[in-house]
Amino acid sequence: MSDAIRRKELADFLKNRRQRRSPEEVGLPPGSGARRRAAGLRREEVAALAGISLHWYTALEQGRDIRVSDSVLESLVRTLRLQRDERDHLYRLAGRNVPLESFAAADPAASDPDLTRIVEQFGAIPAYAIDGQWNLLTWNRAAEELFGGFRYACAKSGNTNLLWLLFTDLALRGRLADWEASASQLVAAFRTAYARRLDDPCVSEIVRDLGDASSEFTAMWERHDVRCLRDNLFRFAHPAAGEIALRSNAFYAAERHEVTLVAYTPVEAADGERLAKLTDAPATAAPSSR
């Protein structure tokens, strides 16, 4: 999108949302909307409520070439009562990066029920959802069995980050037939995600903590390899089903910002047959504490 088109879209969007808001909706005194020639708020009202000058706001609605700060955009978001998607759209039209959002520590039982329902629909196909920091949000039973017990690993370590578990949880490491190759692919995919979140202190903290905890991670990270999450080959070693070759498939959820759904599909028919055994078997139990 050219700058001229973007500025026009921004101007039209602001005018449209201004005209949708009544004086009463934004806390103006009753009757202040009387004798108006047009529906909605006046420009001077939006400017006053947002704490910006009328001249500056008018320039925005006229599509003029001016720079907009995040703080001004947030003021307009509050004033115009914009929803999340509208807020993100406003940032993009203003030529600003959409602010990063952190997700709370994941617990499948407390996660978005719609997201959990989607993941469960994959049935015998192992699937999980992660946020932009690679924290596990939810997963299905097939993934629980394939990876050796996400629930127990997260509870034991107090950490839901997939990359952290990959390097620190012995049970999960043991499920990967070629751990080093698999870990290298996932570190490369995380670096790709990291480049999109350089301003996120949580992502930098993950890299720092893993560097302190694992020399293997440090060595892989310093290679600066990059790749996507999709179409990577992984070989799993399941104690009951045997070796299973799977390819990862990544789907980005348009309605859930920074959420990625990852599913693992069998490479060969025999891999699919072994995979089906995972959900037929009794659920993975937590190791004994003795």
C-alpha atoms as a PDB file:
ATOM      1  CA  MET A   1       0.000   0.000   0.000  1.00  0.00           C
ATOM      2  CA  SER A   2       1.451   3.389  -0.989  1.00  0.00           C
ATOM      3  CA  ASP A   3       1.738   6.114   1.652  1.00  0.00           C
ATOM      4  CA  ALA A   4      -0.873   8.251  -0.125  1.00  0.00           C
ATOM      5  CA  ILE A   5      -3.403   5.409  -0.176  1.00  0.00           C
ATOM      6  CA  ARG A   6      -2.616   4.506   3.450  1.00  0.00           C
ATOM      7  CA  ARG A   7      -3.146   8.109   4.609  1.00  0.00           C
ATOM      8  CA  LYS A   8      -6.458   8.314   2.741  1.00  0.00           C
ATOM      9  CA  GLU A   9      -7.606   5.052   4.301  1.00  0.00           C
ATOM     10  CA  LEU A  10      -6.609   6.378   7.723  1.00  0.00           C
ATOM     11  CA  ALA A  11      -8.508   9.616   7.141  1.00  0.00           C
ATOM     12  CA  ASP A  12     -11.651   7.798   5.975  1.00  0.00           C
ATOM     13  CA  PHE A  13     -11.462   5.317   8.857  1.00  0.00           C
ATOM     14  CA  LEU A  14     -11.161   8.032  11.514  1.00  0.00           C
ATOM     15  CA  LYS A  15     -14.009  10.050  10.007  1.00  0.00           C
ATOM     16  CA  ASN A  16     -16.208   6.947   9.797  1.00  0.00           C
ATOM     17  CA  ARG A  17     -15.593   5.960  13.420  1.00  0.00           C
ATOM     18  CA  ARG A  18     -16.055   9.547  14.621  1.00  0.00           C
ATOM     19  CA  GLN A  19     -19.450   9.704  12.941  1.00  0.00           C
ATOM     20  CA  ARG A  20     -20.487   6.420  14.563  1.00  0.00           C
ATOM     21  CA  ARG A  21     -20.059   7.716  18.104  1.00  0.00           C
ATOM     22  CA  SER A  22     -22.763   9.756  19.805  1.00  0.00           C
ATOM     23  CA  PRO A  23     -21.892  12.446  22.368  1.00  0.00           C
ATOM     24  CA  GLU A  24     -23.575  10.399  25.091  1.00  0.00           C
ATOM     25  CA  GLU A  25     -21.410   7.332  24.319  1.00  0.00           C
ATOM     26  CA  VAL A  26     -18.204   9.223  25.062  1.00  0.00           C
ATOM     27  CA  GLY A  27     -19.449  10.900  28.224  1.00  0.00           C
ATOM     28  CA  LEU A  28     -20.470  14.305  26.895  1.00  0.00           C
ATOM     29  CA  PRO A  29     -23.390  16.021  28.695  1.00  0.00           C
ATOM     30  CA  PRO A  30     -26.930  15.054  27.597  1.00  0.00           C
ATOM     31  CA  GLY A  31     -28.244  17.371  24.928  1.00  0.00           C
ATOM     32  CA  SER A  32     -24.810  18.248  23.619  1.00  0.00           C
ATOM     33  CA  GLY A  33     -25.737  16.464  20.413  1.00  0.00           C
ATOM     34  CA  ALA A  34     -28.704  18.744  19.720  1.00  0.00           C
ATOM     35  CA  ARG A  35     -28.902  20.794  16.517  1.00  0.00           C
ATOM     36  CA  ARG A  36     -26.066  18.888  14.821  1.00  0.00           C
ATOM     37  CA  ARG A  37     -25.895  18.988  11.058  1.00  0.00           C
ATOM     38  CA  ALA A  38     -24.209  15.559  10.903  1.00  0.00           C
ATOM     39  CA  ALA A  39     -24.373  12.419  12.994  1.00  0.00           C
ATOM     40  CA  GLY A  40     -21.655  11.551  15.464  1.00  0.00           C
ATOM     41  CA  LEU A  41     -18.974  13.603  17.140  1.00  0.00           C
ATOM     42  CA  ARG A  42     -17.446  16.834  15.939  1.00  0.00           C
ATOM     43  CA  ARG A  43     -13.718  16.973  15.188  1.00  0.00           C
ATOM     44  CA  GLU A  44     -13.130  19.394  18.046  1.00  0.00           C
ATOM     45  CA  GLU A  45     -14.796  16.993  20.460  1.00  0.00           C
ATOM     46  CA  VAL A  46     -12.600  14.082  19.403  1.00  0.00           C
ATOM     47  CA  ALA A  47      -9.508  16.256  19.673  1.00  0.00           C
ATOM     48  CA  ALA A  48     -10.438  17.516  23.142  1.00  0.00           C
ATOM     49  CA  LEU A  49     -11.322  14.050  24.453  1.00  0.00           C
ATOM     50  CA  ALA A  50      -8.110  12.566  23.028  1.00  0.00           C
ATOM     51  CA  GLY A  51      -5.958  15.379  24.390  1.00  0.00           C
ATOM     52  CA  ILE A  52      -4.580  16.496  21.030  1.00  0.00           C
ATOM     53  CA  SER A  53      -4.873  19.764  19.106  1.00  0.00           C
ATOM     54  CA  LEU A  54      -7.775  20.312  16.742  1.00  0.00           C
ATOM     55  CA  HIS A  55      -5.348  21.399  14.011  1.00  0.00           C
ATOM     56  CA  TRP A  56      -3.376  18.158  14.349  1.00  0.00           C
ATOM     57  CA  TYR A  57      -6.484  15.914  14.376  1.00  0.00           C
ATOM     58  CA  THR A  58      -7.940  17.756  11.377  1.00  0.00           C
ATOM     59  CA  ALA A  59      -4.701  17.126   9.491  1.00  0.00           C
ATOM     60  CA  LEU A  60      -5.131  13.397  10.177  1.00  0.00           C
ATOM     61  CA  GLU A  61      -8.675  13.404   8.779  1.00  0.00           C
ATOM     62  CA  GLN A  62      -7.461  15.303   5.741  1.00  0.00           C
ATOM     63  CA  GLY A  63      -4.892  12.617   4.965  1.00  0.00           C
ATOM     64  CA  ARG A  64      -1.906  14.915   5.381  1.00  0.00           C
ATOM     65  CA  ASP A  65       1.602  13.489   5.789  1.00  0.00           C
ATOM     66  CA  ILE A  66       2.223  13.684   9.536  1.00  0.00           C
ATOM     67  CA  ARG A  67       3.818  11.221  11.960  1.00  0.00           C
ATOM     68  CA  VAL A  68       1.656   9.641  14.645  1.00  0.00           C
ATOM     69  CA  SER A  69       2.925   8.334  17.973  1.00  0.00           C
ATOM     70  CA  ASP A  70       1.607   5.251  19.740  1.00  0.00           C
ATOM     71  CA  SER A  71       0.384   7.363  22.652  1.00  0.00           C
ATOM     72  CA  VAL A  72      -1.762   9.488  20.320  1.00  0.00           C
ATOM     73  CA  LEU A  73      -3.169   6.384  18.667  1.00  0.00           C
ATOM     74  CA  GLU A  74      -4.063   4.902  22.053  1.00  0.00           C
ATOM     75  CA  SER A  75      -5.850   8.146  22.940  1.00  0.00           C
ATOM     76  CA  LEU A  76      -7.897   7.868  19.752  1.00  0.00           C
ATOM     77  CA  VAL A  77      -8.610   4.208  20.468  1.00  0.00           C
ATOM     78  CA  ARG A  78     -10.060   5.131  23.871  1.00  0.00           C
ATOM     79  CA  THR A  79     -11.948   8.165  22.600  1.00  0.00           C
ATOM     80  CA  LEU A  80     -13.532   6.380  19.636  1.00  0.00           C
ATOM     81  CA  ARG A  81     -14.190   3.205  21.665  1.00  0.00           C
ATOM     82  CA  LEU A  82     -12.395   1.013  19.116  1.00  0.00           C
ATOM     83  CA  GLN A  83     -12.481  -2.757  19.424  1.00  0.00           C
ATOM     84  CA  ARG A  84      -9.322  -4.852  19.220  1.00  0.00           C
ATOM     85  CA  ASP A  85      -9.446  -5.463  15.466  1.00  0.00           C
ATOM     86  CA  GLU A  86     -10.247  -1.793  14.847  1.00  0.00           C
ATOM     87  CA  ARG A  87      -7.328  -0.770  17.063  1.00  0.00           C
ATOM     88  CA  ASP A  88      -4.895  -2.979  15.155  1.00  0.00           C
ATOM     89  CA  HIS A  89      -6.267  -1.637  11.862  1.00  0.00           C
ATOM     90  CA  LEU A  90      -5.734   1.935  13.057  1.00  0.00           C
ATOM     91  CA  TYR A  91      -2.099   1.205  13.903  1.00  0.00           C
ATOM     92  CA  ARG A  92      -1.434  -0.320  10.501  1.00  0.00           C
ATOM     93  CA  LEU A  93      -3.058   2.576   8.654  1.00  0.00           C
ATOM     94  CA  ALA A  94      -0.946   4.975  10.704  1.00  0.00           C
ATOM     95  CA  GLY A  95       2.190   3.121   9.618  1.00  0.00           C
ATOM     96  CA  ARG A  96       2.947   1.917  13.144  1.00  0.00           C
ATOM     97  CA  ASN A  97       3.698  -1.577  14.415  1.00  0.00           C
ATOM     98  CA  VAL A  98       0.766  -3.158  16.199  1.00  0.00           C
ATOM     99  CA  PRO A  99       1.744  -3.333  19.904  1.00  0.00           C
ATOM    100  CA  LEU A 100       2.774  -6.772  21.090  1.00  0.00           C
ATOM    101  CA  GLU A 101       0.509  -8.500  23.546  1.00  0.00           C
ATOM    102  CA  SER A 102       1.629 -11.008  26.120  1.00  0.00           C
ATOM    103  CA  PHE A 103      -0.368 -14.094  26.958  1.00  0.00           C
ATOM    104  CA  ALA A 104      -0.805 -15.358  30.491  1.00  0.00           C
ATOM    105  CA  ALA A 105       0.839 -18.640  31.462  1.00  0.00           C
ATOM    106  CA  ALA A 106      -1.061 -21.350  29.658  1.00  0.00           C
ATOM    107  CA  ASP A 107      -3.308 -23.870  31.289  1.00  0.00           C
ATOM    108  CA  PRO A 108      -5.418 -25.905  28.841  1.00  0.00           C
ATOM    109  CA  ALA A 109      -8.349 -25.870  31.237  1.00  0.00           C
ATOM    110  CA  ALA A 110      -8.264 -22.069  31.409  1.00  0.00           C
ATOM    111  CA  SER A 111      -7.422 -21.353  27.789  1.00  0.00           C
ATOM    112  CA  ASP A 112      -9.790 -20.018  25.150  1.00  0.00           C
ATOM    113  CA  PRO A 113     -12.488 -22.713  24.950  1.00  0.00           C
ATOM    114  CA  ASP A 114     -12.996 -22.158  21.221  1.00  0.00           C
ATOM    115  CA  LEU A 115      -9.286 -22.584  20.576  1.00  0.00           C
ATOM    116  CA  THR A 116      -9.220 -25.747  22.678  1.00  0.00           C
ATOM    117  CA  ARG A 117     -12.211 -27.100  20.771  1.00  0.00           C
ATOM    118  CA  ILE A 118     -10.473 -26.489  17.443  1.00  0.00           C
ATOM    119  CA  VAL A 119      -7.310 -28.249  18.582  1.00  0.00           C
ATOM    120  CA  GLU A 120      -9.286 -31.220  19.888  1.00  0.00           C
ATOM    121  CA  GLN A 121     -10.972 -31.632  16.502  1.00  0.00           C
ATOM    122  CA  PHE A 122      -7.678 -32.854  15.049  1.00  0.00           C
ATOM    123  CA  GLY A 123      -8.300 -36.163  16.845  1.00  0.00           C
ATOM    124  CA  ALA A 124      -5.440 -38.585  16.149  1.00  0.00           C
ATOM    125  CA  ILE A 125      -3.361 -35.796  14.565  1.00  0.00           C
ATOM    126  CA  PRO A 126      -1.146 -34.247  17.292  1.00  0.00           C
ATOM    127  CA  ALA A 127      -1.878 -30.540  17.525  1.00  0.00           C
ATOM    128  CA  TYR A 128      -1.158 -27.663  19.879  1.00  0.00           C
ATOM    129  CA  ALA A 129      -1.461 -23.875  19.910  1.00  0.00           C
ATOM    130  CA  ILE A 130       1.282 -21.469  20.957  1.00  0.00           C
ATOM    131  CA  ASP A 131       1.380 -17.720  21.436  1.00  0.00           C
ATOM    132  CA  GLY A 132       3.895 -15.301  19.953  1.00  0.00           C
ATOM    133  CA  GLN A 133       6.410 -16.173  22.683  1.00  0.00           C
ATOM    134  CA  TRP A 134       5.911 -19.905  22.050  1.00  0.00           C
ATOM    135  CA  ASN A 135       4.063 -20.527  25.293  1.00  0.00           C
ATOM    136  CA  LEU A 136       1.769 -23.536  24.988  1.00  0.00           C
ATOM    137  CA  LEU A 137      -1.858 -22.409  25.127  1.00  0.00           C
ATOM    138  CA  THR A 138      -3.612 -25.726  24.563  1.00  0.00           C
ATOM    139  CA  TRP A 139      -3.019 -29.150  23.011  1.00  0.00           C
ATOM    140  CA  ASN A 140      -4.942 -32.331  22.243  1.00  0.00           C
ATOM    141  CA  ARG A 141      -4.507 -35.819  23.630  1.00  0.00           C
ATOM    142  CA  ALA A 142      -2.522 -37.031  20.618  1.00  0.00           C
ATOM    143  CA  ALA A 143       0.074 -34.291  21.254  1.00  0.00           C
ATOM    144  CA  GLU A 144       0.103 -35.137  24.961  1.00  0.00           C
ATOM    145  CA  GLU A 145       0.921 -38.761  24.125  1.00  0.00           C
ATOM    146  CA  LEU A 146       3.393 -37.989  21.341  1.00  0.00           C
ATOM    147  CA  PHE A 147       5.499 -35.564  23.371  1.00  0.00           C
ATOM    148  CA  GLY A 148       5.464 -37.593  26.567  1.00  0.00           C
ATOM    149  CA  GLY A 149       3.149 -35.469  28.691  1.00  0.00           C
ATOM    150  CA  PHE A 150       3.013 -31.693  28.158  1.00  0.00           C
ATOM    151  CA  ARG A 151       0.823 -31.266  31.230  1.00  0.00           C
ATOM    152  CA  TYR A 152       3.272 -32.920  33.588  1.00  0.00           C
ATOM    153  CA  ALA A 153       6.301 -31.210  31.999  1.00  0.00           C
ATOM    154  CA  CYS A 154       4.721 -27.763  32.357  1.00  0.00           C
ATOM    155  CA  ALA A 155       3.678 -28.417  35.949  1.00  0.00           C
ATOM    156  CA  LYS A 156       7.089 -29.826  36.892  1.00  0.00           C
ATOM    157  CA  SER A 157       9.106 -26.962  35.428  1.00  0.00           C
ATOM    158  CA  GLY A 158       6.613 -24.187  36.110  1.00  0.00           C
ATOM    159  CA  ASN A 159       7.205 -23.114  32.520  1.00  0.00           C
ATOM    160  CA  THR A 160       4.874 -23.504  29.549  1.00  0.00           C
ATOM    161  CA  ASN A 161       7.349 -22.369  26.900  1.00  0.00           C
ATOM    162  CA  LEU A 162       7.764 -25.002  24.195  1.00  0.00           C
ATOM    163  CA  LEU A 163      11.395 -24.130  23.505  1.00  0.00           C
ATOM    164  CA  TRP A 164      12.261 -24.257  27.207  1.00  0.00           C
ATOM    165  CA  LEU A 165      10.714 -27.720  27.515  1.00  0.00           C
ATOM    166  CA  LEU A 166      12.530 -28.862  24.376  1.00  0.00           C
ATOM    167  CA  PHE A 167      15.914 -28.166  25.962  1.00  0.00           C
ATOM    168  CA  THR A 168      15.239 -28.899  29.629  1.00  0.00           C
ATOM    169  CA  ASP A 169      12.681 -31.720  29.838  1.00  0.00           C
ATOM    170  CA  LEU A 170      14.305 -35.156  29.544  1.00  0.00           C
ATOM    171  CA  ALA A 171      11.025 -36.945  28.791  1.00  0.00           C
ATOM    172  CA  LEU A 172      10.273 -34.662  25.838  1.00  0.00           C
ATOM    173  CA  ARG A 173      13.838 -34.906  24.563  1.00  0.00           C
ATOM    174  CA  GLY A 174      13.589 -38.679  24.689  1.00  0.00           C
ATOM    175  CA  ARG A 175      10.558 -38.684  22.402  1.00  0.00           C
ATOM    176  CA  LEU A 176      12.533 -37.152  19.519  1.00  0.00           C
ATOM    177  CA  ALA A 177      14.447 -39.858  17.644  1.00  0.00           C
ATOM    178  CA  ASP A 178      16.943 -37.267  16.368  1.00  0.00           C
ATOM    179  CA  TRP A 179      16.760 -34.619  19.045  1.00  0.00           C
ATOM    180  CA  GLU A 180      19.557 -32.424  17.705  1.00  0.00           C
ATOM    181  CA  ALA A 181      18.076 -32.199  14.201  1.00  0.00           C
ATOM    182  CA  SER A 182      14.609 -31.503  15.574  1.00  0.00           C
ATOM    183  CA  ALA A 183      15.863 -28.939  18.077  1.00  0.00           C
ATOM    184  CA  SER A 184      17.862 -27.158  15.358  1.00  0.00           C
ATOM    185  CA  GLN A 185      14.742 -26.813  13.210  1.00  0.00           C
ATOM    186  CA  LEU A 186      12.690 -25.426  16.077  1.00  0.00           C
ATOM    187  CA  VAL A 187      15.399 -22.977  17.159  1.00  0.00           C
ATOM    188  CA  ALA A 188      15.585 -21.729  13.560  1.00  0.00           C
ATOM    189  CA  ALA A 189      11.805 -21.288  13.524  1.00  0.00           C
ATOM    190  CA  PHE A 190      11.921 -19.455  16.854  1.00  0.00           C
ATOM    191  CA  ARG A 191      14.590 -17.097  15.503  1.00  0.00           C
ATOM    192  CA  THR A 192      12.261 -16.309  12.602  1.00  0.00           C
ATOM    193  CA  ALA A 193       9.516 -15.466  15.121  1.00  0.00           C
ATOM    194  CA  TYR A 194      12.031 -13.555  17.270  1.00  0.00           C
ATOM    195  CA  ALA A 195      12.803 -11.186  14.391  1.00  0.00           C
ATOM    196  CA  ARG A 196       9.131 -10.160  14.369  1.00  0.00           C
ATOM    197  CA  ARG A 197       9.165  -9.460  18.121  1.00  0.00           C
ATOM    198  CA  LEU A 198      12.471  -7.687  18.749  1.00  0.00           C
ATOM    199  CA  ASP A 199      10.716  -5.154  20.977  1.00  0.00           C
ATOM    200  CA  ASP A 200       9.149  -7.835  23.165  1.00  0.00           C
ATOM    201  CA  PRO A 201      11.188  -8.102  26.400  1.00  0.00           C
ATOM    202  CA  CYS A 202       9.621 -11.494  27.153  1.00  0.00           C
ATOM    203  CA  VAL A 203      11.093 -13.024  23.993  1.00  0.00           C
ATOM    204  CA  SER A 204      14.532 -11.606  24.763  1.00  0.00           C
ATOM    205  CA  GLU A 205      14.222 -13.024  28.278  1.00  0.00           C
ATOM    206  CA  ILE A 206      13.470 -16.490  26.878  1.00  0.00           C
ATOM    207  CA  VAL A 207      16.620 -16.342  24.753  1.00  0.00           C
ATOM    208  CA  ARG A 208      18.708 -15.144  27.697  1.00  0.00           C
ATOM    209  CA  ASP A 209      17.381 -17.751  30.136  1.00  0.00           C
ATOM    210  CA  LEU A 210      17.828 -20.586  27.665  1.00  0.00           C
ATOM    211  CA  GLY A 211      21.350 -19.399  26.948  1.00  0.00           C
ATOM    212  CA  ASP A 212      22.102 -19.607  30.676  1.00  0.00           C
ATOM    213  CA  ALA A 213      20.480 -23.035  31.006  1.00  0.00           C
ATOM    214  CA  SER A 214      21.736 -24.786  27.870  1.00  0.00           C
ATOM    215  CA  SER A 215      25.012 -24.588  25.962  1.00  0.00           C
ATOM    216  CA  GLU A 216      23.290 -26.614  23.223  1.00  0.00           C
ATOM    217  CA  PHE A 217      20.750 -23.843  22.749  1.00  0.00           C
ATOM    218  CA  THR A 218      23.492 -21.216  22.657  1.00  0.00           C
ATOM    219  CA  ALA A 219      25.364 -23.104  19.940  1.00  0.00           C
ATOM    220  CA  MET A 220      22.225 -23.465  17.810  1.00  0.00           C
ATOM    221  CA  TRP A 221      21.133 -19.868  18.386  1.00  0.00           C
ATOM    222  CA  GLU A 222      24.492 -18.495  17.312  1.00  0.00           C
ATOM    223  CA  ARG A 223      24.179 -20.206  13.920  1.00  0.00           C
ATOM    224  CA  HIS A 224      21.481 -17.664  12.986  1.00  0.00           C
ATOM    225  CA  ASP A 225      19.565 -20.324  11.038  1.00  0.00           C
ATOM    226  CA  VAL A 226      16.030 -19.301  10.063  1.00  0.00           C
ATOM    227  CA  ARG A 227      13.047 -21.275   8.772  1.00  0.00           C
ATOM    228  CA  CYS A 228       9.292 -21.505   9.156  1.00  0.00           C
ATOM    229  CA  LEU A 229       7.372 -23.854  11.424  1.00  0.00           C
ATOM    230  CA  ARG A 230       5.628 -25.536   8.530  1.00  0.00           C
ATOM    231  CA  ASP A 231       6.831 -28.511   6.497  1.00  0.00           C
ATOM    232  CA  ASN A 232       9.604 -29.653   8.839  1.00  0.00           C
ATOM    233  CA  LEU A 233      10.307 -33.365   9.225  1.00  0.00           C
ATOM    234  CA  PHE A 234      10.404 -34.785  12.748  1.00  0.00           C
ATOM    235  CA  ARG A 235      11.023 -38.359  13.825  1.00  0.00           C
ATOM    236  CA  PHE A 236       9.481 -39.399  17.119  1.00  0.00           C
ATOM    237  CA  ALA A 237      10.321 -42.468  19.197  1.00  0.00           C
ATOM    238  CA  HIS A 238       7.209 -43.539  21.090  1.00  0.00           C
ATOM    239  CA  PRO A 239       7.672 -46.337  23.655  1.00  0.00           C
ATOM    240  CA  ALA A 240       4.482 -48.133  22.578  1.00  0.00           C
ATOM    241  CA  ALA A 241       3.934 -47.114  18.945  1.00  0.00           C
ATOM    242  CA  GLY A 242       7.574 -47.126  17.770  1.00  0.00           C
ATOM    243  CA  GLU A 243       9.222 -44.593  15.465  1.00  0.00           C
ATOM    244  CA  ILE A 244       6.847 -42.183  13.743  1.00  0.00           C
ATOM    245  CA  ALA A 245       7.846 -39.742  10.985  1.00  0.00           C
ATOM    246  CA  LEU A 246       5.726 -36.580  10.935  1.00  0.00           C
ATOM    247  CA  ARG A 247       5.697 -33.222   9.177  1.00  0.00           C
ATOM    248  CA  SER A 248       4.763 -30.053  11.008  1.00  0.00           C
ATOM    249  CA  ASN A 249       2.074 -27.773   9.611  1.00  0.00           C
ATOM    250  CA  ALA A 250       1.596 -24.256  10.973  1.00  0.00           C
ATOM    251  CA  PHE A 251      -1.635 -22.228  10.784  1.00  0.00           C
ATOM    252  CA  TYR A 252      -1.884 -18.626  11.926  1.00  0.00           C
ATOM    253  CA  ALA A 253      -5.177 -17.714  13.580  1.00  0.00           C
ATOM    254  CA  ALA A 254      -6.571 -14.549  12.025  1.00  0.00           C
ATOM    255  CA  GLU A 255      -9.031 -13.974  14.854  1.00  0.00           C
ATOM    256  CA  ARG A 256      -6.490 -14.666  17.590  1.00  0.00           C
ATOM    257  CA  HIS A 257      -3.504 -12.404  17.219  1.00  0.00           C
ATOM    258  CA  GLU A 258      -0.092 -13.988  17.649  1.00  0.00           C
ATOM    259  CA  VAL A 259      -1.571 -17.490  17.981  1.00  0.00           C
ATOM    260  CA  THR A 260      -0.147 -20.312  15.869  1.00  0.00           C
ATOM    261  CA  LEU A 261      -1.765 -23.729  15.599  1.00  0.00           C
ATOM    262  CA  VAL A 262       0.743 -26.499  14.839  1.00  0.00           C
ATOM    263  CA  ALA A 263      -0.344 -29.969  13.651  1.00  0.00           C
ATOM    264  CA  TYR A 264       1.814 -32.985  12.827  1.00  0.00           C
ATOM    265  CA  THR A 265       0.759 -35.168   9.898  1.00  0.00           C
ATOM    266  CA  PRO A 266       2.184 -38.620   9.040  1.00  0.00           C
ATOM    267  CA  VAL A 267       4.731 -38.926   6.242  1.00  0.00           C
ATOM    268  CA  GLU A 268       3.764 -42.483   5.243  1.00  0.00           C
ATOM    269  CA  ALA A 269       0.665 -44.638   5.741  1.00  0.00           C
ATOM    270  CA  ALA A 270       2.562 -46.726   8.294  1.00  0.00           C
ATOM    271  CA  ASP A 271       3.267 -43.577  10.299  1.00  0.00           C
ATOM    272  CA  GLY A 272      -0.459 -42.824  10.318  1.00  0.00           C
ATOM    273  CA  GLU A 273      -1.198 -46.301  11.638  1.00  0.00           C
ATOM    274  CA  ARG A 274       1.333 -45.886  14.439  1.00  0.00           C
ATOM    275  CA  LEU A 275      -0.043 -42.439  15.178  1.00  0.00           C
ATOM    276  CA  ALA A 276      -3.559 -43.834  15.583  1.00  0.00           C
ATOM    277  CA  LYS A 277      -2.285 -46.066  18.384  1.00  0.00           C
ATOM    278  CA  LEU A 278      -1.504 -43.032  20.525  1.00  0.00           C
ATOM    279  CA  THR A 279      -5.128 -42.131  21.152  1.00  0.00           C
ATOM    280  CA  ASP A 280      -6.118 -45.775  21.566  1.00  0.00           C
ATOM    281  CA  ALA A 281      -3.605 -46.248  24.375  1.00  0.00           C
ATOM    282  CA  PRO A 282      -4.232 -45.274  28.024  1.00  0.00           C
ATOM    283  CA  ALA A 283      -3.427 -41.639  28.748  1.00  0.00           C
ATOM    284  CA  THR A 284       0.170 -40.794  29.638  1.00  0.00           C
ATOM    285  CA  ALA A 285       0.697 -40.901  33.376  1.00  0.00           C
ATOM    286  CA  ALA A 286       3.034 -38.624  35.321  1.00  0.00           C
ATOM    287  CA  PRO A 287       6.247 -40.354  36.383  1.00  0.00           C
ATOM    288  CA  SER A 288       6.418 -41.593  39.955  1.00  0.00           C
ATOM    289  CA  SER A 289       7.938 -39.151  42.424  1.00  0.00           C
ATOM    290  CA  ARG A 290       9.943 -41.955  44.058  1.00  0.00           C
END
